Structures are given as structure tokens and as C-alpha cells.
PDB file of N, CA and C in Angstrom:
ATOM      1  N   MET A   1       0.583  -1.291   0.163  1.00  0.00           N
ATOM      2  CA  MET A   1      -0.021  -0.069  -0.139  1.00  0.00           C
ATOM      3  C   MET A   1       0.929   1.380   0.099  1.00  0.00           C
ATOM      4  N   VAL A   2       1.690   1.300   1.117  1.00  0.00           N
ATOM      5  CA  VAL A   2       2.830   2.473   1.051  1.00  0.00           C
ATOM      6  C   VAL A   2       3.382   2.626  -0.526  1.00  0.00           C
ATOM      7  N   ARG A   3       3.866   1.465  -1.148  1.00  0.00           N
ATOM      8  CA  ARG A   3       4.570   1.711  -2.212  1.00  0.00           C
ATOM      9  C   ARG A   3       3.473   2.662  -3.233  1.00  0.00           C
ATOM     10  N   ASP A   4       2.161   2.003  -3.314  1.00  0.00           N
ATOM     11  CA  ASP A   4       1.411   2.301  -4.278  1.00  0.00           C
ATOM     12  C   ASP A   4       1.041   4.156  -3.936  1.00  0.00           C
ATOM     13  N   LEU A   5       1.188   4.307  -2.658  1.00  0.00           N
ATOM     14  CA  LEU A   5       1.060   5.597  -2.370  1.00  0.00           C
ATOM     15  C   LEU A   5       2.109   6.738  -2.686  1.00  0.00           C
ATOM     16  N   LYS A   6       3.244   6.192  -2.890  1.00  0.00           N
ATOM     17  CA  LYS A   6       4.550   6.815  -3.010  1.00  0.00           C
ATOM     18  C   LYS A   6       4.880   7.013  -4.373  1.00  0.00           C
ATOM     19  N   ALA A   7       4.364   6.092  -5.237  1.00  0.00           N
ATOM     20  CA  ALA A   7       4.579   6.083  -6.918  1.00  0.00           C
ATOM     21  C   ALA A   7       4.109   7.060  -7.444  1.00  0.00           C
ATOM     22  N   ALA A   8       3.199   7.592  -7.367  1.00  0.00           N
ATOM     23  CA  ALA A   8       2.460   8.881  -7.959  1.00  0.00           C
ATOM     24  C   ALA A   8       3.486  10.243  -7.670  1.00  0.00           C
ATOM     25  N   PRO A   9       3.397  10.537  -6.576  1.00  0.00           N
ATOM     26  CA  PRO A   9       4.134  11.777  -6.068  1.00  0.00           C
ATOM     27  C   PRO A   9       5.599  11.753  -6.760  1.00  0.00           C
ATOM     28  N   SER A  10       6.440  10.419  -6.601  1.00  0.00           N
ATOM     29  CA  SER A  10       7.351  10.337  -7.036  1.00  0.00           C
ATOM     30  C   SER A  10       7.761  10.428  -8.654  1.00  0.00           C
ATOM     31  N   ALA A  11       6.817   9.882  -9.082  1.00  0.00           N
ATOM     32  CA  ALA A  11       6.704  10.172 -10.685  1.00  0.00           C
ATOM     33  C   ALA A  11       6.613  12.042 -11.026  1.00  0.00           C
ATOM     34  N   TRP A  12       5.558  12.056 -10.524  1.00  0.00           N
ATOM     35  CA  TRP A  12       5.450  13.862 -10.495  1.00  0.00           C
ATOM     36  C   TRP A  12       6.884  14.423 -10.233  1.00  0.00           C
ATOM     37  N   VAL A  13       7.211  14.375  -9.060  1.00  0.00           N
ATOM     38  CA  VAL A  13       8.451  14.895  -8.792  1.00  0.00           C
ATOM     39  C   VAL A  13       9.473  14.600  -9.959  1.00  0.00           C
ATOM     40  N   HIS A  14       9.958  13.749 -10.365  1.00  0.00           N
ATOM     41  CA  HIS A  14      10.807  13.083 -11.278  1.00  0.00           C
ATOM     42  C   HIS A  14      10.326  13.890 -12.505  1.00  0.00           C
ATOM     43  N   GLU A  15       9.252  13.898 -13.005  1.00  0.00           N
ATOM     44  CA  GLU A  15       9.124  14.469 -14.231  1.00  0.00           C
ATOM     45  C   GLU A  15       9.088  15.874 -14.202  1.00  0.00           C
ATOM     46  N   THR A  16       8.598  16.675 -13.000  1.00  0.00           N
ATOM     47  CA  THR A  16       8.370  18.059 -13.031  1.00  0.00           C
ATOM     48  C   THR A  16       9.776  18.595 -12.772  1.00  0.00           C
ATOM     49  N   PHE A  17      10.744  17.889 -11.712  1.00  0.00           N
ATOM     50  CA  PHE A  17      12.037  18.687 -11.533  1.00  0.00           C
ATOM     51  C   PHE A  17      13.167  17.657 -11.807  1.00  0.00           C
ATOM     52  N   PRO A  18      13.359  17.083 -12.978  1.00  0.00           N
ATOM     53  CA  PRO A  18      14.272  15.989 -13.732  1.00  0.00           C
ATOM     54  C   PRO A  18      15.653  16.195 -12.884  1.00  0.00           C
ATOM     55  N   ALA A  19      16.205  17.547 -12.680  1.00  0.00           N
ATOM     56  CA  ALA A  19      17.462  17.879 -12.333  1.00  0.00           C
ATOM     57  C   ALA A  19      17.550  17.732 -10.806  1.00  0.00           C
ATOM     58  N   VAL A  20      16.388  17.693 -10.032  1.00  0.00           N
ATOM     59  CA  VAL A  20      16.226  17.334  -8.642  1.00  0.00           C
ATOM     60  C   VAL A  20      16.689  16.034  -8.100  1.00  0.00           C
ATOM     61  N   ARG A  21      17.659  15.664  -7.520  1.00  0.00           N
ATOM     62  CA  ARG A  21      17.562  14.312  -6.878  1.00  0.00           C
ATOM     63  C   ARG A  21      16.536  14.108  -5.860  1.00  0.00           C
ATOM     64  N   PHE A  22      15.663  13.074  -6.018  1.00  0.00           N
ATOM     65  CA  PHE A  22      14.923  12.845  -4.954  1.00  0.00           C
ATOM     66  C   PHE A  22      14.507  11.204  -4.575  1.00  0.00           C
ATOM     67  N   ALA A  23      14.529  11.193  -3.281  1.00  0.00           N
ATOM     68  CA  ALA A  23      14.192   9.758  -2.866  1.00  0.00           C
ATOM     69  C   ALA A  23      13.486   9.744  -1.590  1.00  0.00           C
ATOM     70  N   TRP A  24      12.512   8.677  -1.416  1.00  0.00           N
ATOM     71  CA  TRP A  24      11.881   8.623   0.111  1.00  0.00           C
ATOM     72  C   TRP A  24      12.847   8.193   0.938  1.00  0.00           C
ATOM     73  N   GLN A  25      12.626   8.540   2.264  1.00  0.00           N
ATOM     74  CA  GLN A  25      13.342   8.044   3.253  1.00  0.00           C
ATOM     75  C   GLN A  25      12.958   6.335   3.156  1.00  0.00           C
ATOM     76  N   ALA A  26      13.822   5.533   3.985  1.00  0.00           N
ATOM     77  CA  ALA A  26      13.515   3.970   4.013  1.00  0.00           C
ATOM     78  C   ALA A  26      12.337   3.937   5.072  1.00  0.00           C
ATOM     79  N   GLY A  27      12.073   4.609   5.947  1.00  0.00           N
ATOM     80  CA  GLY A  27      10.988   4.160   6.859  1.00  0.00           C
ATOM     81  C   GLY A  27       9.896   4.812   6.685  1.00  0.00           C
ATOM     82  N   TYR A  28       8.907   4.745   7.257  1.00  0.00           N
ATOM     83  CA  TYR A  28       7.442   5.727   7.078  1.00  0.00           C
ATOM     84  C   TYR A  28       6.760   5.546   8.335  1.00  0.00           C
ATOM     85  N   GLY A  29       5.784   6.444   8.075  1.00  0.00           N
ATOM     86  CA  GLY A  29       4.790   6.235   9.728  1.00  0.00           C
ATOM     87  C   GLY A  29       3.436   6.478   8.886  1.00  0.00           C
ATOM     88  N   ALA A  30       2.564   6.036   9.297  1.00  0.00           N
ATOM     89  CA  ALA A  30       0.896   6.466   9.106  1.00  0.00           C
ATOM     90  C   ALA A  30       0.216   6.516  10.506  1.00  0.00           C
ATOM     91  N   PHE A  31      -0.587   7.868  10.323  1.00  0.00           N
ATOM     92  CA  PHE A  31      -1.054   8.074  11.619  1.00  0.00           C
ATOM     93  C   PHE A  31      -2.742   8.351  11.035  1.00  0.00           C
ATOM     94  N   ALA A  32      -3.760   8.126  11.750  1.00  0.00           N
ATOM     95  CA  ALA A  32      -5.072   8.164  11.660  1.00  0.00           C
ATOM     96  C   ALA A  32      -5.390   9.780  12.611  1.00  0.00           C
ATOM     97  N   VAL A  33      -6.545  10.215  12.140  1.00  0.00           N
ATOM     98  CA  VAL A  33      -7.023  11.596  12.642  1.00  0.00           C
ATOM     99  C   VAL A  33      -8.546  11.257  12.900  1.00  0.00           C
ATOM    100  N   SER A  34      -8.822  11.451  13.956  1.00  0.00           N
ATOM    101  CA  SER A  34     -10.550  11.322  14.107  1.00  0.00           C
ATOM    102  C   SER A  34     -10.941  12.414  13.691  1.00  0.00           C
ATOM    103  N   LYS A  35     -12.508  12.326  13.154  1.00  0.00           N
ATOM    104  CA  LYS A  35     -13.179  13.392  12.798  1.00  0.00           C
ATOM    105  C   LYS A  35     -13.085  14.454  13.591  1.00  0.00           C
ATOM    106  N   SER A  36     -13.199  14.406  14.585  1.00  0.00           N
ATOM    107  CA  SER A  36     -13.246  15.530  15.936  1.00  0.00           C
ATOM    108  C   SER A  36     -12.160  16.302  15.800  1.00  0.00           C
ATOM    109  N   ASN A  37     -10.934  15.878  15.234  1.00  0.00           N
ATOM    110  CA  ASN A  37      -9.572  16.737  15.463  1.00  0.00           C
ATOM    111  C   ASN A  37      -9.385  17.224  13.861  1.00  0.00           C
ATOM    112  N   VAL A  38      -9.987  16.989  12.528  1.00  0.00           N
ATOM    113  CA  VAL A  38      -9.781  17.301  11.637  1.00  0.00           C
ATOM    114  C   VAL A  38      -9.305  19.025  11.559  1.00  0.00           C
ATOM    115  N   GLU A  39     -10.064  19.744  11.970  1.00  0.00           N
ATOM    116  CA  GLU A  39      -9.944  21.070  11.984  1.00  0.00           C
ATOM    117  C   GLU A  39      -8.462  21.480  12.676  1.00  0.00           C
ATOM    118  N   ALA A  40      -8.561  20.950  13.578  1.00  0.00           N
ATOM    119  CA  ALA A  40      -7.011  20.925  14.555  1.00  0.00           C
ATOM    120  C   ALA A  40      -5.817  20.655  13.745  1.00  0.00           C
ATOM    121  N   VAL A  41      -6.050  19.497  12.881  1.00  0.00           N
ATOM    122  CA  VAL A  41      -4.603  18.991  11.958  1.00  0.00           C
ATOM    123  C   VAL A  41      -4.402  20.015  10.878  1.00  0.00           C
ATOM    124  N   ARG A  42      -5.669  20.666  10.461  1.00  0.00           N
ATOM    125  CA  ARG A  42      -5.626  21.510   9.185  1.00  0.00           C
ATOM    126  C   ARG A  42      -4.982  22.867   9.635  1.00  0.00           C
ATOM    127  N   ALA A  43      -5.305  23.281  10.887  1.00  0.00           N
ATOM    128  CA  ALA A  43      -4.677  24.687  11.476  1.00  0.00           C
ATOM    129  C   ALA A  43      -3.224  24.332  11.713  1.00  0.00           C
ATOM    130  N   TYR A  44      -3.007  23.521  12.175  1.00  0.00           N
ATOM    131  CA  TYR A  44      -1.368  22.816  12.449  1.00  0.00           C
ATOM    132  C   TYR A  44      -0.635  22.823  11.282  1.00  0.00           C
ATOM    133  N   ILE A  45      -1.191  22.267  10.133  1.00  0.00           N
ATOM    134  CA  ILE A  45      -0.628  22.098   8.693  1.00  0.00           C
ATOM    135  C   ILE A  45      -0.308  23.615   8.380  1.00  0.00           C
ATOM    136  N   GLY A  46      -1.255  24.563   8.250  1.00  0.00           N
ATOM    137  CA  GLY A  46      -1.369  26.055   7.988  1.00  0.00           C
ATOM    138  C   GLY A  46      -0.288  26.867   8.805  1.00  0.00           C
ATOM    139  N   ARG A  47      -0.056  26.216   9.675  1.00  0.00           N
ATOM    140  CA  ARG A  47       0.984  26.987  10.396  1.00  0.00           C
ATOM    141  C   ARG A  47       2.758  26.350  10.673  1.00  0.00           C
ATOM    142  N   GLN A  48       2.672  25.642   9.955  1.00  0.00           N
ATOM    143  CA  GLN A  48       3.593  24.449  10.174  1.00  0.00           C
ATOM    144  C   GLN A  48       4.953  24.976   9.909  1.00  0.00           C
ATOM    145  N   GLU A  49       5.056  26.017   8.740  1.00  0.00           N
ATOM    146  CA  GLU A  49       6.505  26.696   8.965  1.00  0.00           C
ATOM    147  C   GLU A  49       6.889  27.310  10.031  1.00  0.00           C
ATOM    148  N   GLU A  50       5.846  28.348  10.263  1.00  0.00           N
ATOM    149  CA  GLU A  50       6.347  29.233  11.543  1.00  0.00           C
ATOM    150  C   GLU A  50       6.821  28.208  12.920  1.00  0.00           C
ATOM    151  N   HIS A  51       5.768  26.955  12.883  1.00  0.00           N
ATOM    152  CA  HIS A  51       5.895  26.250  14.060  1.00  0.00           C
ATOM    153  C   HIS A  51       7.355  25.667  14.164  1.00  0.00           C
ATOM    154  N   HIS A  52       7.923  25.200  12.764  1.00  0.00           N
ATOM    155  CA  HIS A  52       9.335  24.685  12.573  1.00  0.00           C
ATOM    156  C   HIS A  52      10.348  25.450  12.653  1.00  0.00           C
ATOM    157  N   ARG A  53      10.232  26.729  13.097  1.00  0.00           N
ATOM    158  CA  ARG A  53      11.166  27.621  13.253  1.00  0.00           C
ATOM    159  C   ARG A  53      11.559  27.667  14.826  1.00  0.00           C
ATOM    160  N   LYS A  54      10.354  27.167  15.647  1.00  0.00           N
ATOM    161  CA  LYS A  54      10.758  27.232  16.967  1.00  0.00           C
ATOM    162  C   LYS A  54      11.158  25.602  17.289  1.00  0.00           C
ATOM    163  N   GLN A  55      10.508  24.539  16.663  1.00  0.00           N
ATOM    164  CA  GLN A  55      10.909  23.232  17.139  1.00  0.00           C
ATOM    165  C   GLN A  55      11.189  22.606  15.591  1.00  0.00           C
ATOM    166  N   ASN A  56      11.959  22.115  15.628  1.00  0.00           N
ATOM    167  CA  ASN A  56      12.486  21.061  14.389  1.00  0.00           C
ATOM    168  C   ASN A  56      11.777  20.015  14.033  1.00  0.00           C
ATOM    169  N   TYR A  57      11.347  19.265  12.939  1.00  0.00           N
ATOM    170  CA  TYR A  57      10.528  18.212  12.828  1.00  0.00           C
ATOM    171  C   TYR A  57      10.861  16.976  13.394  1.00  0.00           C
ATOM    172  N   GLN A  58      12.140  16.587  13.466  1.00  0.00           N
ATOM    173  CA  GLN A  58      12.798  15.481  13.767  1.00  0.00           C
ATOM    174  C   GLN A  58      12.489  15.950  15.642  1.00  0.00           C
ATOM    175  N   ASP A  59      12.427  16.537  16.344  1.00  0.00           N
ATOM    176  CA  ASP A  59      12.280  16.902  17.785  1.00  0.00           C
ATOM    177  C   ASP A  59      10.723  16.667  17.980  1.00  0.00           C
ATOM    178  N   GLU A  60       9.986  17.213  17.143  1.00  0.00           N
ATOM    179  CA  GLU A  60       8.633  17.305  17.041  1.00  0.00           C
ATOM    180  C   GLU A  60       8.234  15.764  16.949  1.00  0.00           C
ATOM    181  N   TYR A  61       8.538  15.021  16.119  1.00  0.00           N
ATOM    182  CA  TYR A  61       8.120  13.561  15.814  1.00  0.00           C
ATOM    183  C   TYR A  61       8.408  12.833  17.195  1.00  0.00           C
ATOM    184  N   ARG A  62       9.946  12.972  17.399  1.00  0.00           N
ATOM    185  CA  ARG A  62       9.996  12.124  18.590  1.00  0.00           C
ATOM    186  C   ARG A  62       9.074  12.545  19.954  1.00  0.00           C
ATOM    187  N   GLU A  63       8.968  13.711  19.970  1.00  0.00           N
ATOM    188  CA  GLU A  63       7.876  14.183  20.960  1.00  0.00           C
ATOM    189  C   GLU A  63       6.476  13.438  20.866  1.00  0.00           C
ATOM    190  N   PHE A  64       6.016  13.510  19.497  1.00  0.00           N
ATOM    191  CA  PHE A  64       4.826  12.792  19.079  1.00  0.00           C
ATOM    192  C   PHE A  64       4.629  11.296  19.340  1.00  0.00           C
ATOM    193  N   LEU A  65       5.733  10.679  19.070  1.00  0.00           N
ATOM    194  CA  LEU A  65       6.005   9.137  19.158  1.00  0.00           C
ATOM    195  C   LEU A  65       5.817   8.836  20.724  1.00  0.00           C
ATOM    196  N   THR A  66       6.745   9.597  21.517  1.00  0.00           N
ATOM    197  CA  THR A  66       6.840   9.536  22.704  1.00  0.00           C
ATOM    198  C   THR A  66       5.525   9.412  23.693  1.00  0.00           C
ATOM    199  N   ARG A  67       4.861  10.517  23.340  1.00  0.00           N
ATOM    200  CA  ARG A  67       3.574  10.931  23.818  1.00  0.00           C
ATOM    201  C   ARG A  67       2.522   9.973  23.469  1.00  0.00           C
ATOM    202  N   HIS A  68       2.638   9.282  22.447  1.00  0.00           N
ATOM    203  CA  HIS A  68       1.743   8.306  22.146  1.00  0.00           C
ATOM    204  C   HIS A  68       2.176   6.908  22.231  1.00  0.00           C
ATOM    205  N   GLU A  69       3.225   6.815  23.176  1.00  0.00           N
ATOM    206  CA  GLU A  69       3.853   5.583  23.313  1.00  0.00           C
ATOM    207  C   GLU A  69       4.014   4.470  22.308  1.00  0.00           C
ATOM    208  N   GLN A  70       4.459   4.954  21.415  1.00  0.00           N
ATOM    209  CA  GLN A  70       5.024   4.494  20.151  1.00  0.00           C
ATOM    210  C   GLN A  70       6.575   4.260  20.211  1.00  0.00           C
ATOM    211  N   GLU A  71       6.928   3.001  19.925  1.00  0.00           N
ATOM    212  CA  GLU A  71       8.393   2.698  19.967  1.00  0.00           C
ATOM    213  C   GLU A  71       8.820   2.778  18.254  1.00  0.00           C
ATOM    214  N   TRP A  72      10.044   3.194  18.235  1.00  0.00           N
ATOM    215  CA  TRP A  72      10.818   3.404  16.851  1.00  0.00           C
ATOM    216  C   TRP A  72      11.987   3.366  16.898  1.00  0.00           C
ATOM    217  N   ASP A  73      12.818   3.040  15.863  1.00  0.00           N
ATOM    218  CA  ASP A  73      14.385   2.849  15.715  1.00  0.00           C
ATOM    219  C   ASP A  73      14.729   3.833  14.744  1.00  0.00           C
ATOM    220  N   GLU A  74      15.676   4.763  15.478  1.00  0.00           N
ATOM    221  CA  GLU A  74      16.146   6.076  14.741  1.00  0.00           C
ATOM    222  C   GLU A  74      16.593   5.767  13.374  1.00  0.00           C
ATOM    223  N   ARG A  75      17.372   4.658  12.829  1.00  0.00           N
ATOM    224  CA  ARG A  75      17.863   3.962  11.737  1.00  0.00           C
ATOM    225  C   ARG A  75      16.801   4.025  10.800  1.00  0.00           C
ATOM    226  N   TYR A  76      15.665   3.982  11.036  1.00  0.00           N
ATOM    227  CA  TYR A  76      14.329   3.919  10.047  1.00  0.00           C
ATOM    228  C   TYR A  76      13.809   5.150   9.668  1.00  0.00           C
ATOM    229  N   VAL A  77      14.179   6.022  10.616  1.00  0.00           N
ATOM    230  CA  VAL A  77      13.354   7.324  10.659  1.00  0.00           C
ATOM    231  C   VAL A  77      13.897   8.324  10.190  1.00  0.00           C
ATOM    232  N   TRP A  78      15.061   8.587  10.062  1.00  0.00           N
ATOM    233  CA  TRP A  78      15.922   9.770   9.331  1.00  0.00           C
ATOM    234  C   TRP A  78      16.997   9.104   8.397  1.00  0.00           C
ATOM    235  N   ASP A  79      17.145   9.896   7.075  1.00  0.00           N
ATOM    236  CA  ASP A  79      18.004   9.435   6.302  1.00  0.00           C
ATOM    237  C   ASP A  79      19.408  10.024   7.133  1.00  0.00           C
TER     238      ASP A  79
END
């Protein structure tokens, strides 16, 4: 399933930006959002650039995984 989800965006990037070197990271994460939280997630996405000036993505992701008691292996999370 993940391979199929990545296929179309990969093709688009390679066709649109042929000079750019693009590759997916080795690992992936999938998360569900309850209907009651959709607006909060949209708001987060809307202010993501500003938010990541204060806390980088890696630290935020680790915090998220810890808060939700998820185990992870650093070797498969970052390039």
C-alpha cells in the first residue's frame, strides 16, 4: 500500500523537476486523525512553517511518538 501511495508523487517529482535528486526515506509512519480533530490538524498544517522555526521536525516527531507510546528505531526514521 505504501509503495502505491508513493508511486504517483515520485513520478510527478521526477517529471516536474528532472534535475532534482529525490528519494523517499527508508521508513515511514502512518497516522489516523479522528473526525473531531480534522480542523485542528488543518490549522497545524497551515502554521507548520512558523512552528518549525521554533521546534524542528525531528524533535517534534520524537515527542509525538513518545507522547503516544510508540516505539521507533532511529535508523529507520531519518536519512
